[in-house]
């Protein structure tokens, strides 16, 4: 668990990291450099959940690389399905990461939503729904490795 005391927001206890895969952790169906090592480190403090439509058909390889099994989201109503997943975990204990148009509801539902820049782009609806916006996935995961950065950005 990662516990944050954010001035004017209160104490936040994060137990789950819910992340989109393609465009967020992976580009063209391949994990971005450095992601697997950081996720492994974060798995000591957060339960990892990967949500994917498996756009490139390579999720089984990513699952093997990370030693976990991503949740496949069927086509149609993907944004709502991702948000529902966050709600089932207890949204107040979730940090989510994404960048696509089908990530906006998940980013908005989570206690902390992080929108990342990506070579695939960043959907405006995802940007508007997020609490934080960062240039790339390594920076996003770095916030979780150094949670006082989140406090510094979100305090009022």
Protein backbone atom coordinates (compact mmCIF):
# COMPACT_ATOMS: atom_id res chain seq x y z
CA UNK A 1 0.00 0.00 0.00
CA UNK A 2 1.07 3.57 -0.65
CA UNK A 3 -0.33 6.08 1.83
CA UNK A 4 -0.39 9.77 0.95
CA UNK A 5 -1.51 12.73 3.02
CA UNK A 6 -2.48 15.33 0.44
CA UNK A 7 -3.28 18.77 1.91
CA UNK A 8 -6.92 19.77 1.27
CA UNK A 9 -7.60 16.26 -0.08
CA UNK A 10 -6.86 14.09 2.92
CA UNK A 11 -5.28 10.70 3.42
CA UNK A 12 -5.24 8.45 0.37
CA UNK A 13 -4.46 4.75 0.72
CA UNK A 14 -3.57 3.25 -2.65
CA UNK A 15 -3.70 -0.54 -2.86
CA UNK A 16 -4.18 -1.16 -6.60
CA UNK A 17 -2.50 0.04 -9.78
CA UNK A 18 -4.80 -0.37 -12.78
CA UNK A 19 -3.10 0.32 -16.10
CA UNK A 20 -3.98 0.23 -19.74
CA UNK A 21 -1.42 -1.73 -21.76
CA UNK A 22 -1.21 -0.66 -25.42
CA UNK A 23 -0.18 2.94 -25.82
CA UNK A 24 0.55 3.17 -22.09
CA UNK A 25 2.92 0.39 -21.00
CA UNK A 26 3.55 -0.93 -24.49
CA UNK A 27 3.96 0.55 -27.95
CA UNK A 28 2.99 -1.54 -30.97
CA UNK A 29 2.45 -4.53 -28.68
CA UNK A 30 5.91 -4.37 -27.07
CA UNK A 31 6.67 -3.26 -23.51
CA UNK A 32 8.55 0.01 -23.35
CA UNK A 33 12.11 -0.14 -22.02
CA UNK A 34 12.32 -0.11 -18.23
CA UNK A 35 8.63 -0.77 -17.59
CA UNK A 36 8.92 -4.39 -16.44
CA UNK A 37 11.62 -3.59 -13.86
CA UNK A 38 9.65 -0.73 -12.34
CA UNK A 39 6.40 -2.73 -12.25
CA UNK A 40 8.22 -5.56 -10.49
CA UNK A 41 9.46 -3.09 -7.88
CA UNK A 42 5.98 -1.56 -7.45
CA UNK A 43 4.40 -4.99 -6.97
CA UNK A 44 5.82 -4.91 -3.42
CA UNK A 45 3.45 -2.06 -2.51
CA UNK A 46 0.58 -2.24 -5.04
CA UNK A 47 -1.50 -5.02 -6.58
CA UNK A 48 -1.03 -4.74 -10.34
CA UNK A 49 -3.96 -4.98 -12.76
CA UNK A 50 -3.49 -4.66 -16.51
CA UNK A 51 -6.51 -4.01 -18.74
CA UNK A 52 -6.22 -4.51 -22.48
CA UNK A 53 -8.15 -4.96 -25.69
CA UNK A 54 -5.00 -6.73 -26.98
CA UNK A 55 -4.97 -4.56 -30.08
CA UNK A 56 -1.73 -6.07 -31.41
CA UNK A 57 -2.38 -9.68 -30.36
CA UNK A 58 0.83 -9.83 -28.33
CA UNK A 59 -0.56 -9.63 -24.80
CA UNK A 60 0.42 -13.23 -24.05
CA UNK A 61 4.07 -12.23 -24.55
CA UNK A 62 3.68 -9.21 -22.25
CA UNK A 63 1.96 -11.42 -19.66
CA UNK A 64 4.94 -13.80 -19.75
CA UNK A 65 7.42 -10.92 -19.44
CA UNK A 66 5.62 -9.51 -16.40
CA UNK A 67 4.61 -12.81 -14.80
CA UNK A 68 0.91 -11.90 -14.63
CA UNK A 69 -2.21 -12.18 -16.72
CA UNK A 70 -3.89 -9.07 -18.10
CA UNK A 71 -7.66 -8.72 -18.11
CA UNK A 72 -8.98 -8.70 -21.68
CA UNK A 73 -11.62 -6.03 -22.30
CA UNK A 74 -14.02 -7.02 -25.10
CA UNK A 75 -14.74 -4.51 -27.88
CA UNK A 76 -17.60 -2.09 -27.31
CA UNK A 77 -18.08 0.05 -24.20
CA UNK A 78 -14.40 -0.34 -23.31
CA UNK A 79 -14.28 2.91 -21.30
CA UNK A 80 -17.22 1.83 -19.16
CA UNK A 81 -15.79 -1.68 -18.67
CA UNK A 82 -12.48 -0.25 -17.43
CA UNK A 83 -14.24 2.14 -15.04
CA UNK A 84 -16.42 -0.68 -13.73
CA UNK A 85 -13.28 -2.72 -13.03
CA UNK A 86 -11.88 0.18 -10.98
CA UNK A 87 -15.14 0.52 -9.04
CA UNK A 88 -15.19 -3.21 -8.22
CA UNK A 89 -11.72 -2.89 -6.66
CA UNK A 90 -12.82 0.09 -4.55
CA UNK A 91 -12.01 3.21 -6.56
CA UNK A 92 -10.83 5.10 -3.48
CA UNK A 93 -7.86 2.69 -3.28
CA UNK A 94 -6.92 2.77 -6.98
CA UNK A 95 -4.37 4.69 -8.99
CA UNK A 96 -4.92 4.28 -12.72
CA UNK A 97 -2.71 5.03 -15.70
CA UNK A 98 -3.78 5.42 -19.31
CA UNK A 99 -3.78 7.69 -22.36
CA UNK A 100 -6.41 6.53 -24.80
CA UNK A 101 -9.99 7.55 -25.44
CA UNK A 102 -11.13 4.31 -23.81
CA UNK A 103 -9.19 5.15 -20.62
CA UNK A 104 -10.98 8.38 -19.65
CA UNK A 105 -13.62 6.78 -17.41
CA UNK A 106 -11.03 4.65 -15.60
CA UNK A 107 -8.84 7.71 -15.00
CA UNK A 108 -11.79 9.66 -13.66
CA UNK A 109 -13.06 6.82 -11.47
CA UNK A 110 -9.77 6.09 -9.71
CA UNK A 111 -8.74 8.05 -6.63
CA UNK A 112 -5.74 9.19 -8.65
CA UNK A 113 -5.75 9.05 -12.45
CA UNK A 114 -2.51 9.60 -14.35
CA UNK A 115 -2.58 10.36 -18.06
CA UNK A 116 0.67 9.66 -19.92
CA UNK A 117 2.08 10.98 -23.14
CA UNK A 118 2.74 8.29 -25.72
CA UNK A 119 3.96 7.84 -29.29
CA UNK A 120 0.33 6.79 -29.93
CA UNK A 121 -0.82 10.18 -28.66
CA UNK A 122 -2.96 11.27 -25.75
CA UNK A 123 -6.73 11.49 -26.10
CA UNK A 124 -8.18 14.80 -24.99
CA UNK A 125 -10.91 13.03 -22.98
CA UNK A 126 -8.22 11.09 -21.07
CA UNK A 127 -6.29 14.29 -20.42
CA UNK A 128 -9.38 16.05 -19.05
CA UNK A 129 -10.33 13.12 -16.78
CA UNK A 130 -6.90 12.71 -15.16
CA UNK A 131 -5.62 14.19 -11.91
CA UNK A 132 -2.06 14.29 -13.24
CA UNK A 133 -0.51 14.42 -16.71
CA UNK A 134 3.06 13.29 -17.34
CA UNK A 135 5.18 13.00 -20.48
CA UNK A 136 5.69 9.21 -20.45
CA UNK A 137 5.12 5.94 -18.60
CA UNK A 138 8.51 5.95 -16.86
CA UNK A 139 7.65 9.33 -15.29
CA UNK A 140 4.21 8.03 -14.29
CA UNK A 141 5.65 4.95 -12.60
CA UNK A 142 8.31 7.17 -11.00
CA UNK A 143 5.53 9.08 -9.24
CA UNK A 144 4.52 5.82 -7.55
CA UNK A 145 8.12 5.01 -6.64
CA UNK A 146 8.43 8.53 -5.16
CA UNK A 147 4.90 9.29 -3.93
CA UNK A 148 5.78 12.66 -2.38
CA UNK A 149 5.86 13.89 -5.99
CA UNK A 150 2.13 13.14 -6.16
CA UNK A 151 1.56 15.06 -2.94
CA UNK A 152 3.56 18.01 -4.28
CA UNK A 153 1.50 18.13 -7.47
CA UNK A 154 -1.95 17.62 -5.95
CA UNK A 155 -1.76 19.72 -2.78
CA UNK A 156 -3.78 22.93 -2.81
